[in-house]
N, C-alpha and C. Protein backbone atom coordinates (compact mmCIF):
# COMPACT_ATOMS: atom_id res chain seq x y z
N UNK A 1 -228.11 44.77 84.91
CA UNK A 1 -228.97 45.23 86.04
C UNK A 1 -230.54 45.93 85.24
N UNK A 2 -229.81 46.69 84.19
CA UNK A 2 -230.68 47.39 83.63
C UNK A 2 -231.39 46.68 82.34
N UNK A 3 -230.96 45.62 81.82
CA UNK A 3 -231.10 44.56 80.70
C UNK A 3 -232.49 43.88 81.33
N UNK A 4 -232.33 43.45 82.52
CA UNK A 4 -233.17 42.74 82.98
C UNK A 4 -234.77 43.69 83.23
N UNK A 5 -234.63 44.65 83.60
CA UNK A 5 -235.74 45.48 83.38
C UNK A 5 -236.05 46.09 82.13
N UNK A 6 -235.23 46.01 81.29
CA UNK A 6 -235.93 46.75 79.87
C UNK A 6 -236.34 45.28 79.27
N UNK A 7 -236.10 44.31 79.12
CA UNK A 7 -236.57 43.07 79.15
C UNK A 7 -238.12 42.84 79.91
N UNK A 8 -238.09 43.23 81.19
CA UNK A 8 -239.63 43.13 81.53
C UNK A 8 -240.25 43.90 81.03
N UNK A 9 -239.85 45.29 80.86
CA UNK A 9 -240.63 46.56 80.10
C UNK A 9 -241.60 46.38 78.94
N UNK A 10 -240.32 45.78 78.18
CA UNK A 10 -241.01 45.11 76.75
C UNK A 10 -242.17 43.63 76.55
N UNK A 11 -241.91 42.84 77.92
CA UNK A 11 -242.86 41.42 78.02
C UNK A 11 -243.90 42.21 78.43
N UNK A 12 -243.89 43.33 79.16
CA UNK A 12 -244.97 43.68 79.66
C UNK A 12 -245.89 44.90 78.60
N UNK A 13 -245.37 45.36 77.61
CA UNK A 13 -245.73 46.03 76.66
C UNK A 13 -246.25 45.25 75.56
N UNK A 14 -245.60 44.30 75.04
CA UNK A 14 -245.90 43.18 74.16
C UNK A 14 -247.30 42.60 75.04
N UNK A 15 -247.39 42.20 76.13
CA UNK A 15 -248.48 41.72 76.74
C UNK A 15 -249.98 42.66 76.84
N UNK A 16 -249.71 43.97 76.90
CA UNK A 16 -250.69 45.10 76.66
C UNK A 16 -251.18 44.50 75.39
N UNK A 17 -250.19 44.84 74.28
CA UNK A 17 -250.97 44.71 72.95
C UNK A 17 -251.60 43.85 72.67
N UNK A 18 -251.58 42.32 73.05
CA UNK A 18 -251.94 41.42 72.85
C UNK A 18 -253.20 41.33 73.37
N UNK A 19 -252.99 41.55 75.19
CA UNK A 19 -254.44 41.60 75.91
C UNK A 19 -255.50 42.47 75.63
N UNK A 20 -254.78 43.76 74.78
CA UNK A 20 -255.71 45.27 74.23
C UNK A 20 -256.69 44.23 73.12
N UNK A 21 -255.60 43.61 72.40
CA UNK A 21 -256.45 43.31 70.89
C UNK A 21 -257.53 42.43 71.37
N UNK A 22 -257.48 41.15 72.29
CA UNK A 22 -257.97 40.34 72.69
C UNK A 22 -259.41 40.77 73.90
N UNK A 23 -259.43 42.46 74.02
CA UNK A 23 -260.50 43.41 74.68
C UNK A 23 -260.17 43.13 76.22
N UNK A 24 -259.16 42.36 76.86
CA UNK A 24 -259.26 41.87 78.27
C UNK A 24 -258.51 42.88 79.22
N UNK A 25 -259.42 43.29 80.06
CA UNK A 25 -259.03 44.17 81.00
C UNK A 25 -257.12 44.37 81.67
N UNK A 26 -256.65 43.48 81.87
CA UNK A 26 -256.03 43.02 82.65
C UNK A 26 -255.07 43.65 81.35
N UNK A 27 -255.06 44.09 80.17
CA UNK A 27 -254.07 45.03 79.67
C UNK A 27 -253.57 46.17 80.14
N UNK A 28 -254.82 46.48 80.85
CA UNK A 28 -254.01 47.93 81.58
C UNK A 28 -253.12 47.85 82.95
N UNK A 29 -252.97 46.52 83.18
CA UNK A 29 -252.33 46.08 84.28
C UNK A 29 -251.10 46.25 83.70
N UNK A 30 -251.11 45.53 82.86
CA UNK A 30 -249.32 45.15 81.49
C UNK A 30 -249.11 46.54 81.03
N UNK A 31 -250.01 47.58 80.81
CA UNK A 31 -249.60 48.92 80.33
C UNK A 31 -248.99 49.74 81.54
N UNK A 32 -249.79 49.46 82.79
CA UNK A 32 -249.22 50.09 83.87
C UNK A 32 -247.51 49.83 84.50
N UNK A 33 -247.87 48.36 84.33
CA UNK A 33 -246.26 47.92 84.32
C UNK A 33 -245.24 48.05 83.74
N UNK A 34 -245.55 48.48 82.30
CA UNK A 34 -244.14 48.51 81.13
C UNK A 34 -243.96 50.05 81.66
N UNK A 35 -245.40 50.71 81.32
CA UNK A 35 -244.96 52.08 81.80
C UNK A 35 -243.75 52.81 83.18
N UNK A 36 -244.39 51.93 84.58
CA UNK A 36 -243.49 52.04 85.28
C UNK A 36 -242.16 51.95 85.21
N UNK A 37 -241.78 50.74 84.48
CA UNK A 37 -240.44 50.70 84.32
C UNK A 37 -239.57 51.48 83.46
N UNK A 38 -240.47 51.81 82.24
CA UNK A 38 -239.63 52.33 81.28
C UNK A 38 -239.44 54.29 81.68
N UNK A 39 -240.51 54.64 82.63
CA UNK A 39 -240.17 55.49 83.59
C UNK A 39 -238.70 55.78 84.19
N UNK A 40 -238.36 54.64 84.84
CA UNK A 40 -236.90 54.74 85.03
C UNK A 40 -236.00 54.42 84.27
N UNK A 41 -235.80 53.90 82.97
CA UNK A 41 -235.26 53.33 82.34
C UNK A 41 -234.92 54.74 81.70
N UNK A 42 -236.03 55.32 80.92
CA UNK A 42 -235.58 56.53 80.09
C UNK A 42 -234.85 57.73 81.12
N UNK A 43 -235.18 58.06 82.22
CA UNK A 43 -234.77 58.69 83.01
C UNK A 43 -232.87 57.93 83.27
N UNK A 44 -233.02 56.57 82.84
CA UNK A 44 -231.56 56.34 83.51
C UNK A 44 -230.38 56.71 82.41
N UNK A 45 -231.14 56.99 81.26
CA UNK A 45 -230.22 57.26 79.71
C UNK A 45 -230.60 58.59 79.76
N UNK A 46 -231.14 59.46 80.44
CA UNK A 46 -230.95 60.87 80.36
C UNK A 46 -232.37 61.08 79.29
N UNK A 47 -232.94 60.68 78.69
CA UNK A 47 -233.87 60.70 78.00
C UNK A 47 -235.50 61.11 78.76
N UNK A 48 -235.06 62.85 79.19
CA UNK A 48 -235.95 62.92 80.29
C UNK A 48 -237.49 62.94 79.69
N UNK A 49 -237.87 63.81 78.68
CA UNK A 49 -238.90 63.56 77.79
C UNK A 49 -239.83 62.44 78.25
N UNK A 50 -238.95 61.59 77.53
CA UNK A 50 -239.63 60.11 77.33
C UNK A 50 -240.25 59.62 78.39
N UNK A 51 -239.19 60.19 79.72
CA UNK A 51 -239.71 59.27 81.05
C UNK A 51 -240.97 60.31 81.36
N UNK A 52 -241.07 61.20 81.01
CA UNK A 52 -242.13 62.24 81.40
C UNK A 52 -243.37 61.29 80.69
N UNK A 53 -242.91 61.34 79.62
CA UNK A 53 -244.19 60.56 78.82
C UNK A 53 -244.64 59.52 79.13
N UNK A 54 -243.69 58.64 79.78
CA UNK A 54 -244.57 58.00 79.99
C UNK A 54 -245.22 57.93 82.10
N UNK A 55 -245.08 59.00 82.44
CA UNK A 55 -246.23 58.90 83.68
C UNK A 55 -247.65 59.71 82.91
N UNK A 56 -247.40 60.29 82.00
CA UNK A 56 -248.91 60.65 80.95
C UNK A 56 -249.37 58.86 80.74
N UNK A 57 -248.51 58.28 80.24
CA UNK A 57 -248.97 56.66 79.99
C UNK A 57 -249.33 55.82 80.81
N UNK A 58 -249.09 56.59 82.19
CA UNK A 58 -249.52 55.93 83.58
C UNK A 58 -250.56 55.83 83.80
N UNK A 59 -251.12 57.35 83.54
CA UNK A 59 -252.01 58.01 83.47
C UNK A 59 -253.29 57.53 82.82
N UNK A 60 -253.11 57.05 81.58
CA UNK A 60 -253.68 56.56 80.44
C UNK A 60 -253.98 55.06 80.87
N UNK A 61 -253.19 54.23 81.84
CA UNK A 61 -253.58 53.25 82.00
C UNK A 61 -254.63 52.90 83.07
N UNK A 62 -254.16 53.83 83.81
CA UNK A 62 -255.63 54.12 85.17
C UNK A 62 -256.90 54.30 84.30
N UNK A 63 -256.86 55.31 83.72
CA UNK A 63 -257.99 56.56 82.82
C UNK A 63 -258.92 54.73 82.34
N UNK A 64 -257.58 53.85 81.17
CA UNK A 64 -258.49 52.94 80.53
C UNK A 64 -259.21 51.92 81.17
N UNK A 65 -258.22 51.56 82.36
CA UNK A 65 -258.92 50.42 82.70
C UNK A 65 -260.10 51.11 83.99
N UNK A 66 -260.65 51.83 84.14
CA UNK A 66 -261.70 52.63 84.73
C UNK A 66 -262.27 52.40 83.57
N UNK A 67 -262.42 52.68 82.55
CA UNK A 67 -263.39 52.77 81.48
C UNK A 67 -264.02 51.38 81.18
N UNK A 68 -262.99 50.44 81.56
CA UNK A 68 -263.16 49.13 80.87
C UNK A 68 -263.75 48.59 81.91
N UNK A 69 -263.50 48.94 83.39
CA UNK A 69 -264.15 47.93 84.49
C UNK A 69 -265.49 48.46 84.55
N UNK A 70 -265.86 50.05 83.99
CA UNK A 70 -267.39 50.25 84.16
C UNK A 70 -267.86 50.22 82.93
N UNK A 71 -267.61 49.30 82.06
CA UNK A 71 -268.29 49.28 81.08
C UNK A 71 -269.37 49.98 80.38
N UNK A 72 -268.00 50.87 79.59
CA UNK A 72 -268.73 52.40 78.68
C UNK A 72 -269.77 51.58 78.20
N UNK A 73 -270.89 52.27 78.20
CA UNK A 73 -271.85 51.73 77.27
C UNK A 73 -272.23 53.31 76.13
N UNK A 74 -271.04 53.34 76.17
CA UNK A 74 -270.73 54.63 74.83
C UNK A 74 -271.26 53.90 73.26
N UNK A 75 -271.87 54.86 72.52
CA UNK A 75 -272.02 54.07 70.87
C UNK A 75 -270.89 54.39 70.30
N UNK A 76 -270.63 53.38 69.01
CA UNK A 76 -269.46 52.81 68.46
C UNK A 76 -269.30 54.27 67.81
N UNK A 77 -267.85 54.61 67.93
CA UNK A 77 -267.53 56.12 67.93
C UNK A 77 -266.96 55.71 66.03
N UNK A 78 -267.13 56.35 64.76
CA UNK A 78 -266.74 56.12 63.69
C UNK A 78 -265.57 56.37 63.33
N UNK A 79 -264.63 56.28 62.23
CA UNK A 79 -263.10 56.50 62.42
C UNK A 79 -263.55 57.98 61.53
N UNK A 80 -262.59 59.19 61.75
CA UNK A 80 -262.95 60.31 61.16
C UNK A 80 -261.32 60.71 60.54
N UNK A 81 -261.50 61.57 59.53
CA UNK A 81 -260.35 62.48 58.92
C UNK A 81 -260.40 63.56 59.47
N UNK A 82 -258.91 64.15 59.35
CA UNK A 82 -258.68 65.78 59.70
C UNK A 82 -258.23 66.64 58.48
N UNK A 83 -258.83 67.51 58.48
CA UNK A 83 -258.40 68.20 57.41
C UNK A 83 -256.97 68.72 56.81
N UNK A 84 -256.71 69.23 55.97
CA UNK A 84 -255.17 69.10 55.56
C UNK A 84 -254.97 70.76 56.88
N UNK A 85 -255.88 71.61 56.97
CA UNK A 85 -255.49 73.02 57.85
C UNK A 85 -255.44 72.11 59.11
N UNK A 86 -256.39 71.63 59.49
CA UNK A 86 -256.17 70.65 61.26
C UNK A 86 -254.57 70.16 61.22
N UNK A 87 -254.38 69.66 60.36
CA UNK A 87 -252.99 68.53 60.57
C UNK A 87 -252.28 69.81 60.21
N UNK A 88 -252.38 70.73 59.74
CA UNK A 88 -250.77 71.87 59.69
C UNK A 88 -250.95 72.48 61.34
N UNK A 89 -252.25 72.67 61.65
CA UNK A 89 -252.13 73.01 62.77
C UNK A 89 -251.50 72.52 63.62
N UNK A 90 -251.82 71.50 63.47
CA UNK A 90 -251.47 70.23 64.76
C UNK A 90 -249.82 69.95 64.53
N UNK A 91 -249.31 69.57 63.34
CA UNK A 91 -247.96 69.63 63.33
C UNK A 91 -247.16 70.95 64.18
N UNK A 92 -247.60 71.77 63.64
CA UNK A 92 -247.08 73.48 64.01
C UNK A 92 -247.17 73.30 65.23
N UNK A 93 -248.25 73.25 66.22
CA UNK A 93 -248.08 72.63 67.55
C UNK A 93 -247.15 71.62 67.91
N UNK A 94 -247.06 70.41 67.63
CA UNK A 94 -245.84 69.88 68.25
C UNK A 94 -244.74 70.15 67.86
N UNK A 95 -244.63 70.89 66.65
CA UNK A 95 -243.01 71.49 66.65
C UNK A 95 -242.89 72.42 67.30
N UNK A 96 -243.55 73.56 67.72
CA UNK A 96 -243.48 74.55 68.60
C UNK A 96 -243.12 73.95 70.15
N UNK A 97 -244.03 73.09 70.25
CA UNK A 97 -243.79 72.60 71.85
C UNK A 97 -242.71 71.61 71.77
N UNK A 98 -242.34 71.08 70.92
CA UNK A 98 -240.85 70.32 70.56
C UNK A 98 -239.77 71.44 70.96
N UNK A 99 -239.58 72.55 70.06
CA UNK A 99 -238.99 73.31 70.18
C UNK A 99 -238.32 73.85 71.75
N UNK A 100 -239.52 74.21 72.34
CA UNK A 100 -239.71 74.82 73.85
C UNK A 100 -239.16 74.03 74.57
N UNK A 101 -239.42 72.86 74.77
CA UNK A 101 -239.02 71.94 75.60
C UNK A 101 -237.49 71.44 75.60
N UNK A 102 -237.14 71.50 73.64
CA UNK A 102 -236.02 70.65 73.91
C UNK A 102 -235.09 71.81 74.15
N UNK A 103 -235.53 73.20 73.91
CA UNK A 103 -234.51 74.53 74.54
C UNK A 103 -234.15 74.01 75.72
N UNK A 104 -234.90 74.19 76.59
CA UNK A 104 -235.39 73.92 77.92
C UNK A 104 -234.29 72.81 78.51
N UNK A 105 -234.51 71.83 77.77
CA UNK A 105 -233.65 70.68 78.16
C UNK A 105 -232.31 70.54 77.71
N UNK A 106 -232.06 71.65 76.50
CA UNK A 106 -230.68 71.38 76.27
C UNK A 106 -229.48 72.49 77.23
N UNK A 107 -230.33 72.97 78.14
CA UNK A 107 -229.60 73.49 78.86
C UNK A 107 -229.69 72.48 80.34
N UNK A 108 -229.22 71.22 79.77
CA UNK A 108 -229.61 70.21 81.23
C UNK A 108 -228.58 69.25 80.36
N UNK A 109 -228.53 68.05 80.90
CA UNK A 109 -227.56 66.61 80.53
C UNK A 109 -228.16 65.94 79.79
N UNK A 110 -229.79 66.77 79.48
CA UNK A 110 -230.46 65.75 78.87
C UNK A 110 -229.83 65.04 77.57
N UNK A 111 -229.96 63.93 76.59
CA UNK A 111 -229.34 63.90 75.68
C UNK A 111 -230.53 63.69 74.51
N UNK A 112 -229.99 64.38 73.47
CA UNK A 112 -230.99 64.54 72.25
C UNK A 112 -232.28 65.41 72.57
N UNK A 113 -232.17 66.66 72.80
CA UNK A 113 -233.22 66.90 73.55
C UNK A 113 -234.18 67.11 72.67
N UNK A 114 -234.15 67.26 71.60
CA UNK A 114 -234.95 68.26 70.75
C UNK A 114 -235.78 66.96 70.19
N UNK A 115 -235.28 65.93 69.86
CA UNK A 115 -235.79 64.84 69.29
C UNK A 115 -236.62 63.75 70.38
N UNK A 116 -235.75 64.08 71.80
CA UNK A 116 -236.73 63.90 72.67
C UNK A 116 -237.98 64.21 72.83
N UNK A 117 -237.69 65.38 72.95
CA UNK A 117 -239.16 66.93 73.26
C UNK A 117 -239.84 65.83 71.74
N UNK A 118 -239.60 65.75 70.79
CA UNK A 118 -240.43 65.50 69.81
C UNK A 118 -241.37 64.64 70.06
N UNK A 119 -240.47 63.26 70.28
CA UNK A 119 -241.07 62.27 70.03
C UNK A 119 -242.54 62.22 71.43
N UNK A 120 -242.07 62.91 72.49
CA UNK A 120 -243.31 63.38 73.86
C UNK A 120 -243.81 63.30 73.30
N UNK A 121 -244.17 65.35 72.82
CA UNK A 121 -245.05 65.65 72.24
C UNK A 121 -245.86 65.55 71.47
N UNK A 122 -245.38 64.62 70.17
CA UNK A 122 -246.02 63.89 68.98
C UNK A 122 -247.00 63.10 69.71
N UNK A 123 -246.31 62.21 70.46
CA UNK A 123 -247.13 61.14 71.18
C UNK A 123 -248.22 61.50 72.10
N UNK A 124 -248.08 62.72 72.81
CA UNK A 124 -249.14 62.89 73.70
C UNK A 124 -250.23 63.63 72.47
N UNK A 125 -249.79 63.77 72.05
CA UNK A 125 -251.17 64.52 70.97
C UNK A 125 -251.70 63.72 70.07
N UNK A 126 -250.94 62.38 69.49
CA UNK A 126 -251.34 61.49 68.57
C UNK A 126 -252.39 60.32 69.31
N UNK A 127 -251.95 60.05 70.97
CA UNK A 127 -252.72 59.34 71.52
C UNK A 127 -254.06 60.19 71.61
N UNK A 128 -254.23 61.09 71.95
CA UNK A 128 -255.61 62.05 71.62
C UNK A 128 -256.02 61.77 70.32
N UNK A 129 -255.31 61.80 69.34
CA UNK A 129 -255.84 61.04 68.08
C UNK A 129 -256.70 59.89 67.83
N UNK A 130 -255.66 59.24 68.66
CA UNK A 130 -256.06 57.66 68.65
C UNK A 130 -257.62 57.47 69.65
N UNK A 131 -257.92 58.43 70.47
CA UNK A 131 -258.89 58.21 71.16
C UNK A 131 -260.27 58.84 70.31
N UNK A 132 -259.88 59.87 69.59
CA UNK A 132 -260.86 60.35 68.90
C UNK A 132 -260.90 59.44 67.35
N UNK A 133 -260.30 58.27 67.34
CA UNK A 133 -260.32 57.49 65.99
C UNK A 133 -260.27 58.83 64.83
N UNK A 134 -259.34 59.33 65.10
CA UNK A 134 -258.38 59.84 63.81
C UNK A 134 -257.88 58.88 63.02
N UNK A 135 -258.06 58.54 61.36
CA UNK A 135 -257.83 57.52 60.62
C UNK A 135 -256.08 58.10 60.85
N UNK A 136 -255.91 58.92 60.45
CA UNK A 136 -254.09 59.59 60.01
C UNK A 136 -253.40 59.48 61.73
N UNK A 137 -253.71 59.14 62.85
CA UNK A 137 -252.68 58.73 63.88
C UNK A 137 -251.92 57.69 63.74
N UNK A 138 -252.18 56.84 62.62
CA UNK A 138 -250.96 55.79 62.39
C UNK A 138 -249.96 56.12 61.63
N UNK A 139 -250.10 56.70 60.98
CA UNK A 139 -248.89 57.77 60.08
C UNK A 139 -248.39 58.55 60.93
N UNK A 140 -249.31 59.35 61.57
CA UNK A 140 -248.13 60.24 63.03
C UNK A 140 -247.36 59.11 63.85
N UNK A 141 -248.22 57.83 64.17
CA UNK A 141 -247.26 56.81 65.10
C UNK A 141 -246.26 56.33 64.35
N UNK A 142 -246.12 56.28 62.84
CA UNK A 142 -244.89 55.80 62.37
C UNK A 142 -243.65 56.74 62.35
N UNK A 143 -244.15 57.88 61.77
CA UNK A 143 -243.44 59.17 62.44
C UNK A 143 -242.69 59.10 63.52
N UNK A 144 -243.26 58.88 64.67
CA UNK A 144 -242.53 59.14 66.13
C UNK A 144 -242.06 57.71 66.54
N UNK A 145 -242.42 56.69 66.07
CA UNK A 145 -241.56 55.41 66.03
C UNK A 145 -240.67 55.17 65.35
N UNK A 146 -240.30 55.94 64.14
CA UNK A 146 -239.10 55.93 63.60
C UNK A 146 -238.30 56.99 64.57
N UNK A 147 -238.12 57.83 64.98
CA UNK A 147 -237.48 58.97 65.87
C UNK A 147 -237.41 57.99 66.88
N UNK A 148 -238.08 57.72 67.40
CA UNK A 148 -237.89 56.85 68.62
C UNK A 148 -237.28 55.44 68.53
N UNK A 149 -237.24 54.89 67.42
CA UNK A 149 -235.71 53.37 67.29
C UNK A 149 -234.66 54.31 67.39
N UNK A 150 -234.53 55.58 66.55
CA UNK A 150 -232.95 56.11 66.17
C UNK A 150 -232.64 56.32 67.94
N UNK A 151 -233.42 56.92 68.66
CA UNK A 151 -233.31 57.65 70.08
C UNK A 151 -232.64 56.26 71.07
N UNK A 152 -233.82 55.03 71.10
CA UNK A 152 -233.32 53.93 71.86
C UNK A 152 -232.25 53.01 70.96
N UNK A 153 -231.79 53.06 69.72
CA UNK A 153 -230.03 52.69 69.40
C UNK A 153 -229.33 53.30 70.03
N UNK A 154 -229.24 54.75 70.10
CA UNK A 154 -228.69 55.84 70.34
C UNK A 154 -228.23 55.28 71.93
N UNK A 155 -229.66 54.59 72.77
CA UNK A 155 -229.17 55.07 74.06
C UNK A 155 -228.69 53.09 74.38
N UNK A 156 -228.68 52.88 73.17
CA UNK A 156 -228.35 51.12 72.95
C UNK A 156 -229.56 50.14 74.15
N UNK A 157 -230.89 50.37 74.01
CA UNK A 157 -232.22 49.89 74.81
C UNK A 157 -232.27 49.01 73.21
N UNK A 158 -232.09 48.34 73.26
CA UNK A 158 -231.66 47.30 72.02
C UNK A 158 -233.39 46.53 71.58
N UNK A 159 -233.82 46.00 73.15
CA UNK A 159 -234.95 45.56 72.85
C UNK A 159 -235.97 46.23 72.60
N UNK A 160 -235.92 47.56 73.19
CA UNK A 160 -237.14 48.69 72.82
C UNK A 160 -237.15 48.79 71.43
N UNK A 161 -235.69 49.08 70.97
CA UNK A 161 -235.79 49.10 69.11
C UNK A 161 -236.53 48.06 68.71
N UNK A 162 -236.34 46.57 69.00
CA UNK A 162 -237.34 46.03 68.47
C UNK A 162 -238.71 46.14 68.86
N UNK A 163 -239.65 46.41 70.10
CA UNK A 163 -240.65 46.66 70.34
C UNK A 163 -241.35 47.64 69.47
N UNK A 164 -240.01 48.66 69.15
CA UNK A 164 -240.88 50.25 68.62
C UNK A 164 -240.92 49.48 66.67
N UNK A 165 -239.99 48.58 66.13
CA UNK A 165 -239.97 47.73 65.29
C UNK A 165 -241.30 46.93 65.42
N UNK A 166 -241.68 46.43 65.92
CA UNK A 166 -243.32 45.65 65.92
C UNK A 166 -244.25 46.70 65.94
N UNK A 167 -244.17 47.81 66.84
CA UNK A 167 -245.02 49.11 66.84
C UNK A 167 -244.99 49.48 65.13
N UNK A 168 -244.37 49.75 64.19
CA UNK A 168 -244.31 49.79 63.30
C UNK A 168 -245.25 49.01 62.30
N UNK A 169 -244.91 47.81 62.30
CA UNK A 169 -245.78 46.58 61.71
C UNK A 169 -247.23 47.23 61.80
N UNK A 170 -247.64 46.78 63.48
CA UNK A 170 -249.01 47.31 63.63
C UNK A 170 -249.42 48.61 63.15
N UNK A 171 -248.62 49.65 63.38
CA UNK A 171 -249.23 50.84 62.86
C UNK A 171 -249.47 50.61 61.21
N UNK A 172 -248.51 50.50 60.65
CA UNK A 172 -248.90 50.47 59.11
C UNK A 172 -250.32 49.32 59.16
N UNK A 173 -250.51 48.04 59.73
CA UNK A 173 -251.65 47.36 59.57
C UNK A 173 -252.77 48.19 59.60
N UNK A 174 -252.29 48.76 61.35
CA UNK A 174 -253.71 49.44 61.79
C UNK A 174 -254.41 50.52 60.91
N UNK A 175 -253.48 51.23 59.88
CA UNK A 175 -253.60 51.95 58.60
C UNK A 175 -254.53 51.32 57.86
N UNK A 176 -254.16 50.65 57.29
CA UNK A 176 -255.29 50.03 56.52
C UNK A 176 -255.95 49.23 56.66
N UNK A 177 -256.25 48.91 57.72
CA UNK A 177 -257.12 48.44 58.54
C UNK A 177 -258.38 49.39 58.79
N UNK A 178 -257.98 50.31 59.56
CA UNK A 178 -259.07 51.52 59.90
C UNK A 178 -259.37 52.05 58.40
N UNK A 179 -258.35 52.44 57.55
CA UNK A 179 -258.89 53.12 56.31
C UNK A 179 -260.18 52.31 55.71
N UNK A 180 -259.55 50.72 55.49
CA UNK A 180 -260.85 49.74 55.17
C UNK A 180 -262.04 50.18 55.92
N UNK A 181 -261.72 50.40 57.15
CA UNK A 181 -263.30 50.76 57.77
C UNK A 181 -263.98 51.97 57.72
N UNK A 182 -262.86 52.87 57.18
CA UNK A 182 -263.26 54.15 57.34
C UNK A 182 -264.22 54.37 55.91
N UNK A 183 -263.78 53.72 54.82
CA UNK A 183 -264.49 53.82 53.45
C UNK A 183 -265.69 53.08 53.69
N UNK A 184 -265.56 51.87 53.99
CA UNK A 184 -267.06 51.16 55.00
C UNK A 184 -268.04 51.44 55.20
N UNK A 185 -267.89 52.62 56.05
CA UNK A 185 -268.68 53.38 57.05
C UNK A 185 -269.55 54.37 56.24
N UNK A 186 -268.55 54.62 54.73
CA UNK A 186 -269.30 56.05 54.41
C UNK A 186 -270.80 55.91 53.74
């Protein structure tokens, strides 16, 4: 039965990506449904931080829908880069948060608590980077998705592995597209 829900979650996740590329407000409904399903899927396989991360994504789906519904009149935000020192600070924060929650979860029945914590905290911070149009967000996603592929393989969520592999391709393409735009705006 769980495979049925995983199929639905993947279909909604891919629908979200397609509809978002088309700038169709329905993308946020697809994100909401996919995320709702993943909350339960990840909880069922004892990836508790991934489950909690999807609550965050659930909120972001509502936020995104509200932003698009209201037709934000903000100016076009430029792609920016962060200094090496900022990256060191952000990576240190991700590591600190990952070890803290990983240690807490290691005293439960959580599976791979440190890796689970890493993908969660890195995703929260990297999602913020996306909202700020930080060029290197795509590189962070490549690392996050690589760990996510391992976690999902370990939990036998094979369709989600395929989804994350497609995210890897999108992250690579996204990095080069944004990099091109960054240099064009200089």
